[in-house]
Amino acid sequence: MIRRREEVRVRTVEHAQQGKGSVEFHDWLLPEEAKGHGRVFSKVVLKPGCSIGFHQHLQEFEAYYVLSGEALVRDGEREVLLHPGDMNLCPDGGWHGVENAGETDLVLIALIMNQLP
């Protein structure tokens, strides 16, 4: 299968996980295409001041990989500033959230995979 960028589903979510502002998801892989192995493989764009709120992952894990911008990530009980090339991995049962801490768009790759039994 080939998916060209003009074929990618783009969706805007207001207050994602009770975060601030809106978040744009460019969904390269749709949940039904993952065949039960996961549910998100997306480019995520957060404008300055926008965020994905602090949330928990159960029976799955999520990775954020920073492509551009500055990400203030709450990873469990700590906050860490991430830059392009950095990653946050939230394991099964873990909590995390992310906010655009810069003055330009924050662009991430988000991947959510199901935890194997």
N, C-alpha and C. Protein backbone atom coordinates (compact mmCIF):
# COMPACT_ATOMS: atom_id res chain seq x y z
N MET A 1 0.85 -1.17 0.00
CA MET A 1 0.00 0.00 0.00
C MET A 1 0.90 1.24 0.00
N ILE A 2 0.51 2.21 -0.76
CA ILE A 2 1.17 3.51 -0.79
C ILE A 2 0.12 4.54 -0.39
N ARG A 3 0.50 5.47 0.46
CA ARG A 3 -0.40 6.57 0.81
C ARG A 3 0.36 7.87 0.57
N ARG A 4 -0.09 8.63 -0.37
CA ARG A 4 0.50 9.93 -0.68
C ARG A 4 0.04 10.95 0.35
N ARG A 5 0.85 11.98 0.57
CA ARG A 5 0.51 12.98 1.59
C ARG A 5 -0.84 13.63 1.36
N GLU A 6 -1.24 13.80 0.10
CA GLU A 6 -2.54 14.40 -0.17
C GLU A 6 -3.70 13.45 0.16
N GLU A 7 -3.40 12.17 0.41
CA GLU A 7 -4.42 11.19 0.78
C GLU A 7 -4.54 10.99 2.29
N VAL A 8 -3.64 11.59 3.03
CA VAL A 8 -3.61 11.41 4.48
C VAL A 8 -4.81 12.12 5.12
N ARG A 9 -5.48 11.41 6.00
CA ARG A 9 -6.60 12.01 6.74
C ARG A 9 -6.04 13.02 7.73
N VAL A 10 -6.56 14.23 7.69
CA VAL A 10 -6.16 15.27 8.64
C VAL A 10 -7.38 15.59 9.49
N ARG A 11 -7.20 15.55 10.81
CA ARG A 11 -8.31 15.85 11.72
C ARG A 11 -7.80 16.82 12.78
N THR A 12 -8.67 17.70 13.20
CA THR A 12 -8.35 18.67 14.25
C THR A 12 -9.16 18.29 15.48
N VAL A 13 -8.46 18.20 16.60
CA VAL A 13 -9.09 17.85 17.87
C VAL A 13 -8.96 19.04 18.81
N GLU A 14 -10.08 19.53 19.27
CA GLU A 14 -10.09 20.62 20.24
C GLU A 14 -9.90 20.05 21.64
N HIS A 15 -9.00 20.65 22.41
CA HIS A 15 -8.76 20.28 23.81
C HIS A 15 -8.46 18.78 23.94
N ALA A 16 -7.52 18.29 23.16
CA ALA A 16 -7.14 16.88 23.18
C ALA A 16 -6.74 16.46 24.59
N GLN A 17 -7.38 15.42 25.09
CA GLN A 17 -7.13 14.93 26.46
C GLN A 17 -7.23 16.08 27.47
N GLN A 18 -8.16 16.99 27.26
CA GLN A 18 -8.39 18.18 28.08
C GLN A 18 -7.21 19.15 28.08
N GLY A 19 -6.47 19.15 26.96
CA GLY A 19 -5.38 20.09 26.79
C GLY A 19 -5.87 21.45 26.32
N LYS A 20 -4.91 22.31 25.97
CA LYS A 20 -5.21 23.68 25.54
C LYS A 20 -5.24 23.77 24.02
N GLY A 21 -6.22 24.53 23.50
CA GLY A 21 -6.28 24.81 22.08
C GLY A 21 -6.63 23.60 21.24
N SER A 22 -6.13 23.61 20.00
CA SER A 22 -6.43 22.52 19.08
C SER A 22 -5.15 21.83 18.65
N VAL A 23 -5.31 20.56 18.27
CA VAL A 23 -4.19 19.74 17.81
C VAL A 23 -4.58 19.16 16.46
N GLU A 24 -3.66 19.22 15.53
CA GLU A 24 -3.91 18.69 14.19
C GLU A 24 -3.20 17.34 14.05
N PHE A 25 -3.96 16.31 13.68
CA PHE A 25 -3.43 14.96 13.48
C PHE A 25 -3.46 14.63 12.00
N HIS A 26 -2.31 14.22 11.47
CA HIS A 26 -2.19 13.73 10.10
C HIS A 26 -2.03 12.21 10.24
N ASP A 27 -3.12 11.49 10.05
CA ASP A 27 -3.16 10.06 10.33
C ASP A 27 -2.67 9.24 9.14
N TRP A 28 -1.42 8.81 9.21
CA TRP A 28 -0.86 8.01 8.13
C TRP A 28 -1.39 6.59 8.13
N LEU A 29 -1.63 6.06 9.32
CA LEU A 29 -2.16 4.70 9.45
C LEU A 29 -3.45 4.79 10.25
N LEU A 30 -4.52 4.26 9.70
CA LEU A 30 -5.81 4.29 10.38
C LEU A 30 -5.93 3.07 11.30
N PRO A 31 -6.67 3.19 12.40
CA PRO A 31 -6.77 2.08 13.35
C PRO A 31 -7.15 0.75 12.70
N GLU A 32 -8.10 0.78 11.78
CA GLU A 32 -8.53 -0.47 11.14
C GLU A 32 -7.43 -1.08 10.27
N GLU A 33 -6.49 -0.27 9.80
CA GLU A 33 -5.38 -0.77 9.00
C GLU A 33 -4.31 -1.42 9.88
N ALA A 34 -4.28 -1.09 11.15
CA ALA A 34 -3.29 -1.65 12.08
C ALA A 34 -3.67 -3.07 12.52
N LYS A 35 -4.87 -3.49 12.19
CA LYS A 35 -5.32 -4.88 12.45
C LYS A 35 -5.16 -5.30 13.91
N GLY A 36 -5.51 -4.38 14.83
CA GLY A 36 -5.47 -4.70 16.25
C GLY A 36 -4.12 -4.53 16.93
N HIS A 37 -3.10 -4.15 16.18
CA HIS A 37 -1.76 -3.99 16.75
C HIS A 37 -1.54 -2.62 17.38
N GLY A 38 -2.35 -1.66 17.01
CA GLY A 38 -2.21 -0.31 17.53
C GLY A 38 -3.33 0.56 17.01
N ARG A 39 -3.25 1.87 17.33
CA ARG A 39 -4.33 2.74 16.87
C ARG A 39 -3.89 4.10 16.36
N VAL A 40 -2.63 4.48 16.53
CA VAL A 40 -2.19 5.79 16.05
C VAL A 40 -0.79 5.68 15.46
N PHE A 41 -0.64 6.19 14.25
CA PHE A 41 0.66 6.51 13.65
C PHE A 41 0.42 7.79 12.89
N SER A 42 0.75 8.92 13.52
CA SER A 42 0.35 10.23 13.00
C SER A 42 1.45 11.26 13.17
N LYS A 43 1.43 12.22 12.25
CA LYS A 43 2.17 13.45 12.46
C LYS A 43 1.22 14.35 13.24
N VAL A 44 1.71 14.97 14.31
CA VAL A 44 0.89 15.79 15.19
C VAL A 44 1.47 17.20 15.19
N VAL A 45 0.60 18.20 14.97
CA VAL A 45 1.04 19.59 14.93
C VAL A 45 0.32 20.37 16.02
N LEU A 46 1.10 20.99 16.89
CA LEU A 46 0.57 21.83 17.96
C LEU A 46 1.08 23.25 17.74
N LYS A 47 0.18 24.20 17.64
CA LYS A 47 0.54 25.61 17.52
C LYS A 47 1.09 26.08 18.88
N PRO A 48 1.81 27.21 18.93
CA PRO A 48 2.32 27.72 20.20
C PRO A 48 1.20 27.84 21.24
N GLY A 49 1.49 27.36 22.45
CA GLY A 49 0.53 27.42 23.56
C GLY A 49 -0.46 26.27 23.61
N CYS A 50 -0.51 25.44 22.57
CA CYS A 50 -1.46 24.31 22.55
C CYS A 50 -0.83 23.09 23.21
N SER A 51 -1.70 22.17 23.66
CA SER A 51 -1.20 20.99 24.37
C SER A 51 -2.13 19.80 24.20
N ILE A 52 -1.57 18.64 24.49
CA ILE A 52 -2.33 17.40 24.70
C ILE A 52 -2.24 17.18 26.20
N GLY A 53 -3.39 17.13 26.87
CA GLY A 53 -3.42 17.05 28.33
C GLY A 53 -2.82 15.77 28.89
N PHE A 54 -2.54 15.82 30.17
CA PHE A 54 -1.97 14.71 30.92
C PHE A 54 -2.96 13.55 30.91
N HIS A 55 -2.52 12.39 30.44
CA HIS A 55 -3.42 11.24 30.31
C HIS A 55 -2.66 9.93 30.51
N GLN A 56 -3.41 8.90 30.76
CA GLN A 56 -2.83 7.57 31.03
C GLN A 56 -3.07 6.64 29.85
N HIS A 57 -2.12 5.72 29.66
CA HIS A 57 -2.26 4.66 28.65
C HIS A 57 -2.42 3.33 29.36
N LEU A 58 -3.48 2.61 29.01
CA LEU A 58 -3.75 1.29 29.58
C LEU A 58 -3.83 0.27 28.46
N GLN A 59 -3.08 -0.80 28.60
CA GLN A 59 -2.99 -1.90 27.63
C GLN A 59 -2.43 -1.43 26.29
N GLU A 60 -1.65 -0.35 26.34
CA GLU A 60 -0.98 0.19 25.16
C GLU A 60 0.17 1.08 25.63
N PHE A 61 1.02 1.45 24.68
CA PHE A 61 2.09 2.41 24.99
C PHE A 61 2.17 3.41 23.85
N GLU A 62 2.72 4.61 24.16
CA GLU A 62 2.81 5.66 23.15
C GLU A 62 4.20 6.27 23.14
N ALA A 63 4.68 6.54 21.93
CA ALA A 63 5.93 7.26 21.75
C ALA A 63 5.64 8.58 21.04
N TYR A 64 6.23 9.67 21.53
CA TYR A 64 6.26 10.96 20.84
C TYR A 64 7.70 11.14 20.37
N TYR A 65 7.89 11.41 19.09
CA TYR A 65 9.20 11.73 18.54
C TYR A 65 9.14 13.15 18.00
N VAL A 66 10.01 14.01 18.49
CA VAL A 66 9.96 15.43 18.11
C VAL A 66 10.68 15.64 16.78
N LEU A 67 9.93 16.16 15.79
CA LEU A 67 10.51 16.51 14.49
C LEU A 67 11.00 17.96 14.48
N SER A 68 10.18 18.87 15.01
CA SER A 68 10.58 20.28 15.06
C SER A 68 9.85 20.98 16.19
N GLY A 69 10.44 22.05 16.68
CA GLY A 69 9.85 22.82 17.77
C GLY A 69 10.37 22.37 19.13
N GLU A 70 9.75 22.93 20.18
CA GLU A 70 10.12 22.60 21.57
C GLU A 70 8.91 22.01 22.27
N ALA A 71 9.11 20.83 22.85
CA ALA A 71 8.03 20.12 23.53
C ALA A 71 8.29 20.09 25.03
N LEU A 72 7.36 20.62 25.80
CA LEU A 72 7.42 20.46 27.25
C LEU A 72 6.57 19.23 27.56
N VAL A 73 7.25 18.15 27.94
CA VAL A 73 6.59 16.88 28.18
C VAL A 73 6.49 16.63 29.66
N ARG A 74 5.29 16.31 30.11
CA ARG A 74 5.11 15.82 31.47
C ARG A 74 5.14 14.30 31.38
N ASP A 75 6.18 13.73 31.95
CA ASP A 75 6.44 12.29 31.92
C ASP A 75 6.31 11.76 33.33
N GLY A 76 5.12 11.24 33.65
CA GLY A 76 4.87 10.84 35.03
C GLY A 76 4.85 12.07 35.91
N GLU A 77 5.75 12.13 36.88
CA GLU A 77 5.80 13.24 37.84
C GLU A 77 6.77 14.35 37.45
N ARG A 78 7.49 14.19 36.35
CA ARG A 78 8.49 15.22 36.00
C ARG A 78 8.15 15.88 34.67
N GLU A 79 8.66 17.10 34.50
CA GLU A 79 8.53 17.84 33.25
C GLU A 79 9.91 17.97 32.62
N VAL A 80 9.97 17.72 31.32
CA VAL A 80 11.23 17.74 30.59
C VAL A 80 11.02 18.48 29.27
N LEU A 81 11.98 19.31 28.89
CA LEU A 81 11.93 20.00 27.61
C LEU A 81 12.63 19.12 26.57
N LEU A 82 11.90 18.80 25.49
CA LEU A 82 12.45 17.97 24.42
C LEU A 82 12.63 18.81 23.17
N HIS A 83 13.64 18.45 22.38
CA HIS A 83 14.00 19.14 21.14
C HIS A 83 13.98 18.16 19.98
N PRO A 84 14.10 18.63 18.74
CA PRO A 84 14.10 17.71 17.61
C PRO A 84 15.10 16.57 17.79
N GLY A 85 14.62 15.36 17.51
CA GLY A 85 15.42 14.15 17.69
C GLY A 85 15.20 13.47 19.02
N ASP A 86 14.54 14.13 19.97
CA ASP A 86 14.25 13.54 21.28
C ASP A 86 12.93 12.78 21.23
N MET A 87 12.75 11.83 22.15
CA MET A 87 11.56 11.02 22.20
C MET A 87 11.09 10.85 23.63
N ASN A 88 9.78 10.73 23.80
CA ASN A 88 9.16 10.37 25.07
C ASN A 88 8.42 9.07 24.85
N LEU A 89 8.67 8.08 25.70
CA LEU A 89 7.95 6.81 25.65
C LEU A 89 7.12 6.68 26.91
N CYS A 90 5.82 6.57 26.74
CA CYS A 90 4.90 6.38 27.86
C CYS A 90 4.50 4.90 27.87
N PRO A 91 4.94 4.13 28.86
CA PRO A 91 4.66 2.70 28.88
C PRO A 91 3.22 2.40 29.29
N ASP A 92 2.84 1.17 29.12
CA ASP A 92 1.53 0.70 29.58
C ASP A 92 1.37 1.04 31.06
N GLY A 93 0.28 1.71 31.41
CA GLY A 93 0.03 2.14 32.78
C GLY A 93 0.60 3.51 33.11
N GLY A 94 1.42 4.06 32.22
CA GLY A 94 2.06 5.35 32.47
C GLY A 94 1.18 6.53 32.11
N TRP A 95 1.62 7.71 32.55
CA TRP A 95 0.93 8.98 32.31
C TRP A 95 1.88 9.93 31.61
N HIS A 96 1.34 10.73 30.67
CA HIS A 96 2.14 11.78 30.04
C HIS A 96 1.22 12.81 29.38
N GLY A 97 1.83 13.92 28.97
CA GLY A 97 1.16 14.98 28.23
C GLY A 97 2.24 15.83 27.58
N VAL A 98 1.85 16.67 26.63
CA VAL A 98 2.83 17.48 25.92
C VAL A 98 2.25 18.85 25.61
N GLU A 99 3.11 19.87 25.69
CA GLU A 99 2.71 21.23 25.37
C GLU A 99 3.75 21.86 24.47
N ASN A 100 3.30 22.67 23.53
CA ASN A 100 4.23 23.43 22.70
C ASN A 100 4.79 24.56 23.56
N ALA A 101 6.09 24.49 23.84
CA ALA A 101 6.74 25.47 24.70
C ALA A 101 7.49 26.52 23.91
N GLY A 102 7.39 26.46 22.58
CA GLY A 102 8.14 27.39 21.75
C GLY A 102 7.26 28.42 21.07
N GLU A 103 7.88 29.15 20.14
CA GLU A 103 7.18 30.20 19.41
C GLU A 103 6.85 29.80 17.98
N THR A 104 7.19 28.56 17.62
CA THR A 104 6.85 28.01 16.30
C THR A 104 6.06 26.73 16.51
N ASP A 105 5.52 26.17 15.43
CA ASP A 105 4.77 24.92 15.56
C ASP A 105 5.65 23.82 16.15
N LEU A 106 5.03 23.00 16.99
CA LEU A 106 5.65 21.78 17.48
C LEU A 106 5.12 20.66 16.60
N VAL A 107 6.03 19.89 16.00
CA VAL A 107 5.64 18.79 15.13
C VAL A 107 6.22 17.51 15.69
N LEU A 108 5.34 16.54 15.93
CA LEU A 108 5.72 15.25 16.52
C LEU A 108 5.27 14.11 15.61
N ILE A 109 5.90 12.97 15.77
CA ILE A 109 5.34 11.72 15.30
C ILE A 109 4.79 11.03 16.55
N ALA A 110 3.56 10.58 16.48
CA ALA A 110 2.95 9.85 17.60
C ALA A 110 2.65 8.43 17.13
N LEU A 111 3.03 7.46 17.96
CA LEU A 111 2.78 6.06 17.67
C LEU A 111 2.19 5.42 18.92
N ILE A 112 1.00 4.84 18.78
CA ILE A 112 0.38 4.11 19.89
C ILE A 112 0.21 2.66 19.45
N MET A 113 0.85 1.76 20.19
CA MET A 113 0.79 0.33 19.92
C MET A 113 0.15 -0.38 21.12
N ASN A 114 -0.53 -1.48 20.85
CA ASN A 114 -1.13 -2.27 21.91
C ASN A 114 -0.07 -3.06 22.65
N GLN A 115 -0.25 -3.17 23.96
CA GLN A 115 0.66 -3.96 24.80
C GLN A 115 0.37 -5.44 24.51
N LEU A 116 1.40 -6.21 24.28
CA LEU A 116 1.22 -7.64 24.04
C LEU A 116 0.95 -8.35 25.37
N PRO A 117 0.15 -9.43 25.34
CA PRO A 117 -0.14 -10.15 26.59
C PRO A 117 1.08 -10.82 27.18
